[in-house]
């Protein structure tokens, strides 16, 4: 299949899936989301593929959902990728298919560099292993005024207190800090990121595919028994409720009248005036 928004390559038992909208920092359009899922399905069908790597082209892994209205390169109306009316569709794409990264029978590694923001965390959080550049920026800024994330992996990875610090402030952490918190498996210098991920992927690809599938799903079942899927469904419903808040109405009003850039600036202004009060221990 020819793709407009991603690059898809296979080699040595690996499928490498590159989000390819670098001019928009790989923001998630409808077209990109659909092609992402289709590429995962292609990797699942290919018996030669034993492990999948997901990465981003250009300066960042993924800057979130394309609320600025960037359509896919294939054309079509320029509309936001995931406004509230479309959240169920995005949720179905990311969680409702047996071919999504979490449910794939093959291990999926996220290679995170630059910005990994909002929807970028929805993508990376589904992957089995996340390896980041030390200076990557991992953040859920939408929680300040724009709702929730419906991929609630932070509580499972860094525990309830740090999950709440990050999701109640919307503050960023670096790749190095994310490693300390357990959000990513490891953080490495940016110059070593590609080599590190490829070496791990090739090593995983040495294992028999049946063993890979059964061991992956055995671990996943632990988190599903803890209510992972139910938590995801609940977060999506709560997100709809959060979008009835007055701050969201104000954001929408500013965006309509003055443009998205002005609305985002208004959203972030109070936080620029207040220094971040914490440092992740051990970093």
C-alpha atoms as a PDB file:
ATOM      1  CA  UNK A   1       0.000   0.000   0.000  1.00  0.00           C
ATOM      2  CA  UNK A   2       1.197   3.536  -0.769  1.00  0.00           C
ATOM      3  CA  UNK A   3       1.093   5.931   2.189  1.00  0.00           C
ATOM      4  CA  UNK A   4       0.833   9.722   2.172  1.00  0.00           C
ATOM      5  CA  UNK A   5       1.545  10.457   5.837  1.00  0.00           C
ATOM      6  CA  UNK A   6       3.950   7.733   6.943  1.00  0.00           C
ATOM      7  CA  UNK A   7       6.971   5.815   5.687  1.00  0.00           C
ATOM      8  CA  UNK A   8       6.913   2.030   5.992  1.00  0.00           C
ATOM      9  CA  UNK A   9       9.990  -0.155   5.568  1.00  0.00           C
ATOM     10  CA  UNK A  10      10.890  -3.742   6.468  1.00  0.00           C
ATOM     11  CA  UNK A  11      14.333  -5.220   7.024  1.00  0.00           C
ATOM     12  CA  UNK A  12      15.925  -8.018   9.072  1.00  0.00           C
ATOM     13  CA  UNK A  13      12.696  -9.007  10.785  1.00  0.00           C
ATOM     14  CA  UNK A  14      11.772  -5.403  11.585  1.00  0.00           C
ATOM     15  CA  UNK A  15       9.041  -3.112  10.312  1.00  0.00           C
ATOM     16  CA  UNK A  16       9.963   0.565  10.724  1.00  0.00           C
ATOM     17  CA  UNK A  17       6.969   2.905  10.706  1.00  0.00           C
ATOM     18  CA  UNK A  18       7.871   6.603  10.481  1.00  0.00           C
ATOM     19  CA  UNK A  19       5.275   9.309  11.095  1.00  0.00           C
ATOM     20  CA  UNK A  20       5.969  11.559   8.142  1.00  0.00           C
ATOM     21  CA  UNK A  21       4.475  15.023   8.511  1.00  0.00           C
ATOM     22  CA  UNK A  22       7.676  16.784   9.590  1.00  0.00           C
ATOM     23  CA  UNK A  23       6.420  20.193   8.489  1.00  0.00           C
ATOM     24  CA  UNK A  24       3.785  19.920  11.263  1.00  0.00           C
ATOM     25  CA  UNK A  25       6.008  18.041  13.735  1.00  0.00           C
ATOM     26  CA  UNK A  26       4.055  14.881  12.818  1.00  0.00           C
ATOM     27  CA  UNK A  27       0.808  16.194  14.302  1.00  0.00           C
ATOM     28  CA  UNK A  28      -1.904  13.549  14.047  1.00  0.00           C
ATOM     29  CA  UNK A  29      -4.302  14.229  11.193  1.00  0.00           C
ATOM     30  CA  UNK A  30      -7.152  11.864  10.358  1.00  0.00           C
ATOM     31  CA  UNK A  31      -5.143  10.626   7.402  1.00  0.00           C
ATOM     32  CA  UNK A  32      -2.061   9.909   9.477  1.00  0.00           C
ATOM     33  CA  UNK A  33      -4.053   8.064  12.158  1.00  0.00           C
ATOM     34  CA  UNK A  34      -5.768   5.871   9.571  1.00  0.00           C
ATOM     35  CA  UNK A  35      -2.494   5.066   7.828  1.00  0.00           C
ATOM     36  CA  UNK A  36      -0.772   4.372  11.147  1.00  0.00           C
ATOM     37  CA  UNK A  37      -3.331   1.707  11.989  1.00  0.00           C
ATOM     38  CA  UNK A  38      -3.169   0.256   8.467  1.00  0.00           C
ATOM     39  CA  UNK A  39       0.630   0.027   8.663  1.00  0.00           C
ATOM     40  CA  UNK A  40       0.371  -1.837  11.974  1.00  0.00           C
ATOM     41  CA  UNK A  41      -2.055  -4.232  10.296  1.00  0.00           C
ATOM     42  CA  UNK A  42       0.441  -4.725   7.468  1.00  0.00           C
ATOM     43  CA  UNK A  43       3.164  -5.563   9.976  1.00  0.00           C
ATOM     44  CA  UNK A  44       0.847  -7.995  11.741  1.00  0.00           C
ATOM     45  CA  UNK A  45       0.100  -9.820   8.483  1.00  0.00           C
ATOM     46  CA  UNK A  46       3.748 -10.061   7.424  1.00  0.00           C
ATOM     47  CA  UNK A  47       5.259 -13.310   8.737  1.00  0.00           C
ATOM     48  CA  UNK A  48       8.746 -11.937   8.113  1.00  0.00           C
ATOM     49  CA  UNK A  49       8.179  -9.135  10.636  1.00  0.00           C
ATOM     50  CA  UNK A  50       8.881  -9.941  14.276  1.00  0.00           C
ATOM     51  CA  UNK A  51       9.172  -6.472  15.808  1.00  0.00           C
ATOM     52  CA  UNK A  52       7.882  -2.991  14.916  1.00  0.00           C
ATOM     53  CA  UNK A  53       9.597   0.371  15.468  1.00  0.00           C
ATOM     54  CA  UNK A  54       7.519   3.576  15.501  1.00  0.00           C
ATOM     55  CA  UNK A  55       9.378   6.861  15.075  1.00  0.00           C
ATOM     56  CA  UNK A  56       8.908  10.370  13.696  1.00  0.00           C
ATOM     57  CA  UNK A  57      10.507  12.193  10.789  1.00  0.00           C
ATOM     58  CA  UNK A  58      12.160  15.564  11.240  1.00  0.00           C
ATOM     59  CA  UNK A  59      12.594  17.449  14.520  1.00  0.00           C
ATOM     60  CA  UNK A  60      10.027  15.626  16.688  1.00  0.00           C
ATOM     61  CA  UNK A  61       8.297  12.338  17.337  1.00  0.00           C
ATOM     62  CA  UNK A  62       4.793  13.838  17.446  1.00  0.00           C
ATOM     63  CA  UNK A  63       3.408  17.220  18.514  1.00  0.00           C
ATOM     64  CA  UNK A  64      -0.074  15.877  19.302  1.00  0.00           C
ATOM     65  CA  UNK A  65      -3.400  16.037  17.490  1.00  0.00           C
ATOM     66  CA  UNK A  66      -3.546  18.504  14.625  1.00  0.00           C
ATOM     67  CA  UNK A  67      -6.019  20.917  16.207  1.00  0.00           C
ATOM     68  CA  UNK A  68      -4.791  23.545  13.786  1.00  0.00           C
ATOM     69  CA  UNK A  69      -6.674  21.843  10.975  1.00  0.00           C
ATOM     70  CA  UNK A  70      -3.899  20.256   8.942  1.00  0.00           C
ATOM     71  CA  UNK A  71      -5.428  17.645   6.694  1.00  0.00           C
ATOM     72  CA  UNK A  72      -3.640  14.640   5.267  1.00  0.00           C
ATOM     73  CA  UNK A  73      -1.416  15.136   2.273  1.00  0.00           C
ATOM     74  CA  UNK A  74      -3.913  13.192   0.235  1.00  0.00           C
ATOM     75  CA  UNK A  75      -6.141  16.255   0.282  1.00  0.00           C
ATOM     76  CA  UNK A  76      -9.541  16.906   1.730  1.00  0.00           C
ATOM     77  CA  UNK A  77     -10.858  19.689   3.892  1.00  0.00           C
ATOM     78  CA  UNK A  78      -8.472  21.216   6.385  1.00  0.00           C
ATOM     79  CA  UNK A  79     -10.124  20.320   9.678  1.00  0.00           C
ATOM     80  CA  UNK A  80      -8.823  19.369  13.110  1.00  0.00           C
ATOM     81  CA  UNK A  81      -7.851  15.720  13.445  1.00  0.00           C
ATOM     82  CA  UNK A  82      -9.578  15.110  16.756  1.00  0.00           C
ATOM     83  CA  UNK A  83     -12.057  17.726  17.961  1.00  0.00           C
ATOM     84  CA  UNK A  84     -14.394  16.531  20.658  1.00  0.00           C
ATOM     85  CA  UNK A  85     -17.036  15.297  18.224  1.00  0.00           C
ATOM     86  CA  UNK A  86     -14.405  12.960  16.710  1.00  0.00           C
ATOM     87  CA  UNK A  87     -12.830  11.664  19.904  1.00  0.00           C
ATOM     88  CA  UNK A  88     -14.736   8.399  19.736  1.00  0.00           C
ATOM     89  CA  UNK A  89     -13.402   7.876  16.220  1.00  0.00           C
ATOM     90  CA  UNK A  90      -9.837   8.550  17.362  1.00  0.00           C
ATOM     91  CA  UNK A  91     -10.335   6.267  20.350  1.00  0.00           C
ATOM     92  CA  UNK A  92     -11.588   3.472  18.089  1.00  0.00           C
ATOM     93  CA  UNK A  93      -8.592   3.908  15.790  1.00  0.00           C
ATOM     94  CA  UNK A  94      -6.121   3.783  18.676  1.00  0.00           C
ATOM     95  CA  UNK A  95      -7.789   1.196  20.922  1.00  0.00           C
ATOM     96  CA  UNK A  96     -10.768  -0.391  19.183  1.00  0.00           C
ATOM     97  CA  UNK A  97      -8.848  -2.479  16.662  1.00  0.00           C
ATOM     98  CA  UNK A  98      -7.015  -5.732  17.305  1.00  0.00           C
ATOM     99  CA  UNK A  99      -4.213  -4.282  15.186  1.00  0.00           C
ATOM    100  CA  UNK A 100      -3.302  -1.385  17.448  1.00  0.00           C
ATOM    101  CA  UNK A 101       0.172  -1.393  19.011  1.00  0.00           C
ATOM    102  CA  UNK A 102      -0.971  -2.627  22.431  1.00  0.00           C
ATOM    103  CA  UNK A 103      -2.852  -5.614  21.001  1.00  0.00           C
ATOM    104  CA  UNK A 104      -0.474  -6.446  18.167  1.00  0.00           C
ATOM    105  CA  UNK A 105       1.018  -9.907  18.517  1.00  0.00           C
ATOM    106  CA  UNK A 106       4.424  -8.386  17.762  1.00  0.00           C
ATOM    107  CA  UNK A 107       6.428  -6.144  20.110  1.00  0.00           C
ATOM    108  CA  UNK A 108       6.335  -2.433  19.264  1.00  0.00           C
ATOM    109  CA  UNK A 109       9.121  -0.007  20.222  1.00  0.00           C
ATOM    110  CA  UNK A 110       8.554   3.766  20.226  1.00  0.00           C
ATOM    111  CA  UNK A 111      11.631   5.836  19.356  1.00  0.00           C
ATOM    112  CA  UNK A 112      10.953   9.280  20.836  1.00  0.00           C
ATOM    113  CA  UNK A 113      12.891  12.427  20.031  1.00  0.00           C
ATOM    114  CA  UNK A 114      12.066  16.111  20.125  1.00  0.00           C
ATOM    115  CA  UNK A 115       8.480  16.747  21.203  1.00  0.00           C
ATOM    116  CA  UNK A 116       6.188  13.948  22.345  1.00  0.00           C
ATOM    117  CA  UNK A 117       3.080  15.940  23.198  1.00  0.00           C
ATOM    118  CA  UNK A 118      -0.562  15.015  23.954  1.00  0.00           C
ATOM    119  CA  UNK A 119      -1.556  12.632  21.136  1.00  0.00           C
ATOM    120  CA  UNK A 120       2.120  11.745  20.739  1.00  0.00           C
ATOM    121  CA  UNK A 121       1.871  10.201  24.193  1.00  0.00           C
ATOM    122  CA  UNK A 122      -1.267   8.353  23.095  1.00  0.00           C
ATOM    123  CA  UNK A 123       0.828   6.761  20.331  1.00  0.00           C
ATOM    124  CA  UNK A 124       3.992   6.126  22.365  1.00  0.00           C
ATOM    125  CA  UNK A 125       2.076   5.021  25.449  1.00  0.00           C
ATOM    126  CA  UNK A 126       0.524   2.108  23.558  1.00  0.00           C
ATOM    127  CA  UNK A 127       3.918   0.769  22.546  1.00  0.00           C
ATOM    128  CA  UNK A 128       5.538  -2.029  24.531  1.00  0.00           C
ATOM    129  CA  UNK A 129       8.847  -0.220  25.013  1.00  0.00           C
ATOM    130  CA  UNK A 130       9.648   3.499  24.769  1.00  0.00           C
ATOM    131  CA  UNK A 131      13.227   4.669  24.246  1.00  0.00           C
ATOM    132  CA  UNK A 132      13.759   8.425  24.224  1.00  0.00           C
ATOM    133  CA  UNK A 133      16.455  10.946  23.542  1.00  0.00           C
ATOM    134  CA  UNK A 134      17.709  12.502  26.750  1.00  0.00           C
ATOM    135  CA  UNK A 135      16.464  15.928  25.694  1.00  0.00           C
ATOM    136  CA  UNK A 136      13.072  14.818  24.384  1.00  0.00           C
ATOM    137  CA  UNK A 137      10.123  16.817  25.727  1.00  0.00           C
ATOM    138  CA  UNK A 138       7.268  14.673  27.042  1.00  0.00           C
ATOM    139  CA  UNK A 139       4.151  16.558  28.051  1.00  0.00           C
ATOM    140  CA  UNK A 140       0.361  16.552  28.312  1.00  0.00           C
ATOM    141  CA  UNK A 141      -0.303  20.324  28.090  1.00  0.00           C
ATOM    142  CA  UNK A 142      -3.939  19.866  27.035  1.00  0.00           C
ATOM    143  CA  UNK A 143      -4.875  19.051  30.648  1.00  0.00           C
ATOM    144  CA  UNK A 144      -4.520  22.740  31.521  1.00  0.00           C
ATOM    145  CA  UNK A 145      -7.573  23.819  29.540  1.00  0.00           C
ATOM    146  CA  UNK A 146      -8.330  21.351  26.774  1.00  0.00           C
ATOM    147  CA  UNK A 147      -9.433  18.183  28.563  1.00  0.00           C
ATOM    148  CA  UNK A 148      -7.901  14.803  29.319  1.00  0.00           C
ATOM    149  CA  UNK A 149      -5.739  12.224  27.667  1.00  0.00           C
ATOM    150  CA  UNK A 150      -7.656   9.028  26.956  1.00  0.00           C
ATOM    151  CA  UNK A 151      -4.520   6.898  26.994  1.00  0.00           C
ATOM    152  CA  UNK A 152      -3.894   6.922  30.736  1.00  0.00           C
ATOM    153  CA  UNK A 153      -0.544   5.113  30.886  1.00  0.00           C
ATOM    154  CA  UNK A 154       1.167   7.519  33.301  1.00  0.00           C
ATOM    155  CA  UNK A 155      -0.452   6.010  36.443  1.00  0.00           C
ATOM    156  CA  UNK A 156       0.757   2.548  35.452  1.00  0.00           C
ATOM    157  CA  UNK A 157       4.270   3.718  34.616  1.00  0.00           C
ATOM    158  CA  UNK A 158       5.120   6.324  37.246  1.00  0.00           C
ATOM    159  CA  UNK A 159       2.532   5.755  39.971  1.00  0.00           C
ATOM    160  CA  UNK A 160      -0.393   7.894  41.128  1.00  0.00           C
ATOM    161  CA  UNK A 161       1.525  10.795  42.690  1.00  0.00           C
ATOM    162  CA  UNK A 162       3.795  11.642  39.770  1.00  0.00           C
ATOM    163  CA  UNK A 163       0.960  10.921  37.351  1.00  0.00           C
ATOM    164  CA  UNK A 164      -1.077  13.543  39.196  1.00  0.00           C
ATOM    165  CA  UNK A 165       1.777  16.058  39.275  1.00  0.00           C
ATOM    166  CA  UNK A 166       2.171  15.770  35.500  1.00  0.00           C
ATOM    167  CA  UNK A 167      -1.547  15.653  34.714  1.00  0.00           C
ATOM    168  CA  UNK A 168      -2.568  18.375  37.171  1.00  0.00           C
ATOM    169  CA  UNK A 169       0.082  20.847  35.974  1.00  0.00           C
ATOM    170  CA  UNK A 170       0.585  19.860  32.339  1.00  0.00           C
ATOM    171  CA  UNK A 171       4.300  20.432  32.923  1.00  0.00           C
ATOM    172  CA  UNK A 172       6.888  18.803  30.657  1.00  0.00           C
ATOM    173  CA  UNK A 173       9.610  16.342  31.580  1.00  0.00           C
ATOM    174  CA  UNK A 174      12.749  15.615  29.617  1.00  0.00           C
ATOM    175  CA  UNK A 175      13.603  12.187  28.284  1.00  0.00           C
ATOM    176  CA  UNK A 176      16.117  11.847  31.106  1.00  0.00           C
ATOM    177  CA  UNK A 177      13.474  12.720  33.714  1.00  0.00           C
ATOM    178  CA  UNK A 178      10.953  10.413  32.031  1.00  0.00           C
ATOM    179  CA  UNK A 179      13.430   7.545  32.358  1.00  0.00           C
ATOM    180  CA  UNK A 180      13.752   8.210  36.070  1.00  0.00           C
ATOM    181  CA  UNK A 181       9.969   8.202  36.466  1.00  0.00           C
ATOM    182  CA  UNK A 182       9.504   5.035  34.403  1.00  0.00           C
ATOM    183  CA  UNK A 183       7.567   6.726  31.592  1.00  0.00           C
ATOM    184  CA  UNK A 184      10.257   5.558  29.176  1.00  0.00           C
ATOM    185  CA  UNK A 185      12.440   2.464  29.497  1.00  0.00           C
ATOM    186  CA  UNK A 186      15.652   4.364  28.847  1.00  0.00           C
ATOM    187  CA  UNK A 187      16.926   7.732  27.674  1.00  0.00           C
ATOM    188  CA  UNK A 188      20.070   7.973  25.581  1.00  0.00           C
ATOM    189  CA  UNK A 189      21.977  10.802  23.883  1.00  0.00           C
ATOM    190  CA  UNK A 190      20.176  11.878  20.722  1.00  0.00           C
ATOM    191  CA  UNK A 191      23.122  10.829  18.559  1.00  0.00           C
ATOM    192  CA  UNK A 192      22.802   7.273  19.908  1.00  0.00           C
ATOM    193  CA  UNK A 193      19.018   6.987  19.750  1.00  0.00           C
ATOM    194  CA  UNK A 194      18.613   5.362  16.352  1.00  0.00           C
ATOM    195  CA  UNK A 195      21.456   2.899  16.912  1.00  0.00           C
ATOM    196  CA  UNK A 196      20.142   1.921  20.353  1.00  0.00           C
ATOM    197  CA  UNK A 197      16.596   1.298  19.116  1.00  0.00           C
ATOM    198  CA  UNK A 198      17.740  -0.676  16.062  1.00  0.00           C
ATOM    199  CA  UNK A 199      20.058  -2.845  18.167  1.00  0.00           C
ATOM    200  CA  UNK A 200      17.240  -3.676  20.594  1.00  0.00           C
ATOM    201  CA  UNK A 201      14.781  -4.362  17.761  1.00  0.00           C
ATOM    202  CA  UNK A 202      17.239  -6.714  16.036  1.00  0.00           C
ATOM    203  CA  UNK A 203      17.852  -8.545  19.305  1.00  0.00           C
ATOM    204  CA  UNK A 204      14.121  -8.990  19.912  1.00  0.00           C
ATOM    205  CA  UNK A 205      13.750 -10.239  16.324  1.00  0.00           C
ATOM    206  CA  UNK A 206      16.014 -13.202  17.195  1.00  0.00           C
ATOM    207  CA  UNK A 207      13.245 -14.674  19.362  1.00  0.00           C
ATOM    208  CA  UNK A 208      10.659 -17.090  17.985  1.00  0.00           C
ATOM    209  CA  UNK A 209       7.473 -15.163  17.018  1.00  0.00           C
ATOM    210  CA  UNK A 210       5.208 -17.462  19.059  1.00  0.00           C
ATOM    211  CA  UNK A 211       7.309 -16.798  22.144  1.00  0.00           C
ATOM    212  CA  UNK A 212       7.216 -13.058  21.460  1.00  0.00           C
ATOM    213  CA  UNK A 213       3.435 -13.028  21.100  1.00  0.00           C
ATOM    214  CA  UNK A 214       2.672 -15.146  24.156  1.00  0.00           C
ATOM    215  CA  UNK A 215       5.073 -13.314  26.453  1.00  0.00           C
ATOM    216  CA  UNK A 216       3.865  -9.899  25.297  1.00  0.00           C
ATOM    217  CA  UNK A 217       0.230 -10.773  25.903  1.00  0.00           C
ATOM    218  CA  UNK A 218       1.019 -12.367  29.266  1.00  0.00           C
ATOM    219  CA  UNK A 219       2.398  -9.023  30.463  1.00  0.00           C
ATOM    220  CA  UNK A 220      -0.465  -7.075  28.881  1.00  0.00           C
ATOM    221  CA  UNK A 221      -3.031  -9.228  30.671  1.00  0.00           C
ATOM    222  CA  UNK A 222      -1.625  -8.073  34.011  1.00  0.00           C
ATOM    223  CA  UNK A 223      -2.487  -4.451  33.188  1.00  0.00           C
ATOM    224  CA  UNK A 224      -5.808  -5.325  31.596  1.00  0.00           C
ATOM    225  CA  UNK A 225      -6.704  -7.212  34.792  1.00  0.00           C
ATOM    226  CA  UNK A 226      -5.930  -3.949  36.618  1.00  0.00           C
ATOM    227  CA  UNK A 227      -8.561  -2.229  34.477  1.00  0.00           C
ATOM    228  CA  UNK A 228      -6.516  -0.612  31.705  1.00  0.00           C
ATOM    229  CA  UNK A 229      -9.198  -0.798  29.025  1.00  0.00           C
ATOM    230  CA  UNK A 230     -11.967   0.277  31.380  1.00  0.00           C
ATOM    231  CA  UNK A 231      -9.836   3.237  32.489  1.00  0.00           C
ATOM    232  CA  UNK A 232      -9.338   4.252  28.860  1.00  0.00           C
ATOM    233  CA  UNK A 233     -13.068   4.148  28.182  1.00  0.00           C
ATOM    234  CA  UNK A 234     -13.785   6.127  31.350  1.00  0.00           C
ATOM    235  CA  UNK A 235     -11.175   8.761  30.480  1.00  0.00           C
ATOM    236  CA  UNK A 236     -12.798   9.337  27.116  1.00  0.00           C
ATOM    237  CA  UNK A 237     -16.195   9.908  28.776  1.00  0.00           C
ATOM    238  CA  UNK A 238     -14.635  12.265  31.326  1.00  0.00           C
ATOM    239  CA  UNK A 239     -12.907  14.114  28.490  1.00  0.00           C
ATOM    240  CA  UNK A 240     -16.284  14.849  26.933  1.00  0.00           C
ATOM    241  CA  UNK A 241     -17.440  16.236  30.290  1.00  0.00           C
ATOM    242  CA  UNK A 242     -14.278  18.336  30.648  1.00  0.00           C
ATOM    243  CA  UNK A 243     -14.995  19.972  27.318  1.00  0.00           C
ATOM    244  CA  UNK A 244     -18.106  21.556  28.774  1.00  0.00           C
ATOM    245  CA  UNK A 245     -15.932  23.654  31.097  1.00  0.00           C
ATOM    246  CA  UNK A 246     -15.953  27.430  30.661  1.00  0.00           C
ATOM    247  CA  UNK A 247     -12.183  27.513  29.989  1.00  0.00           C
ATOM    248  CA  UNK A 248     -12.749  25.327  26.940  1.00  0.00           C
ATOM    249  CA  UNK A 249     -15.461  27.676  25.702  1.00  0.00           C
ATOM    250  CA  UNK A 250     -13.051  30.587  26.139  1.00  0.00           C
ATOM    251  CA  UNK A 251     -10.315  28.747  24.238  1.00  0.00           C
ATOM    252  CA  UNK A 252     -12.719  28.038  21.385  1.00  0.00           C
ATOM    253  CA  UNK A 253     -13.881  31.674  21.335  1.00  0.00           C
ATOM    254  CA  UNK A 254     -10.310  33.031  21.213  1.00  0.00           C
ATOM    255  CA  UNK A 255      -9.378  30.504  18.556  1.00  0.00           C
ATOM    256  CA  UNK A 256     -12.331  31.534  16.373  1.00  0.00           C
ATOM    257  CA  UNK A 257     -11.823  35.261  16.807  1.00  0.00           C
ATOM    258  CA  UNK A 258      -8.035  35.625  17.028  1.00  0.00           C
ATOM    259  CA  UNK A 259      -6.665  32.367  15.696  1.00  0.00           C
ATOM    260  CA  UNK A 260      -5.256  29.175  17.201  1.00  0.00           C
ATOM    261  CA  UNK A 261      -1.842  30.679  17.936  1.00  0.00           C
ATOM    262  CA  UNK A 262      -3.415  33.399  20.095  1.00  0.00           C
ATOM    263  CA  UNK A 263      -5.579  30.840  21.931  1.00  0.00           C
ATOM    264  CA  UNK A 264      -2.556  28.669  22.704  1.00  0.00           C
ATOM    265  CA  UNK A 265      -0.567  31.697  23.877  1.00  0.00           C
ATOM    266  CA  UNK A 266      -3.424  32.715  26.191  1.00  0.00           C
ATOM    267  CA  UNK A 267      -3.508  29.172  27.508  1.00  0.00           C
ATOM    268  CA  UNK A 268       0.206  29.054  28.314  1.00  0.00           C
ATOM    269  CA  UNK A 269       0.750  32.619  29.571  1.00  0.00           C
ATOM    270  CA  UNK A 270       0.147  31.968  33.308  1.00  0.00           C
ATOM    271  CA  UNK A 271       2.565  29.029  33.274  1.00  0.00           C
ATOM    272  CA  UNK A 272       5.350  31.029  31.649  1.00  0.00           C
ATOM    273  CA  UNK A 273       5.109  33.489  34.529  1.00  0.00           C
ATOM    274  CA  UNK A 274       5.316  30.743  37.161  1.00  0.00           C
ATOM    275  CA  UNK A 275       8.529  28.677  37.397  1.00  0.00           C
ATOM    276  CA  UNK A 276       8.230  24.922  37.526  1.00  0.00           C
ATOM    277  CA  UNK A 277       8.377  24.048  41.247  1.00  0.00           C
ATOM    278  CA  UNK A 278       9.799  20.538  40.997  1.00  0.00           C
ATOM    279  CA  UNK A 279      12.798  18.611  39.826  1.00  0.00           C
ATOM    280  CA  UNK A 280      12.592  14.876  39.277  1.00  0.00           C
ATOM    281  CA  UNK A 281      14.805  13.223  41.931  1.00  0.00           C
ATOM    282  CA  UNK A 282      17.933  11.571  40.590  1.00  0.00           C
ATOM    283  CA  UNK A 283      18.171  13.689  37.424  1.00  0.00           C
END
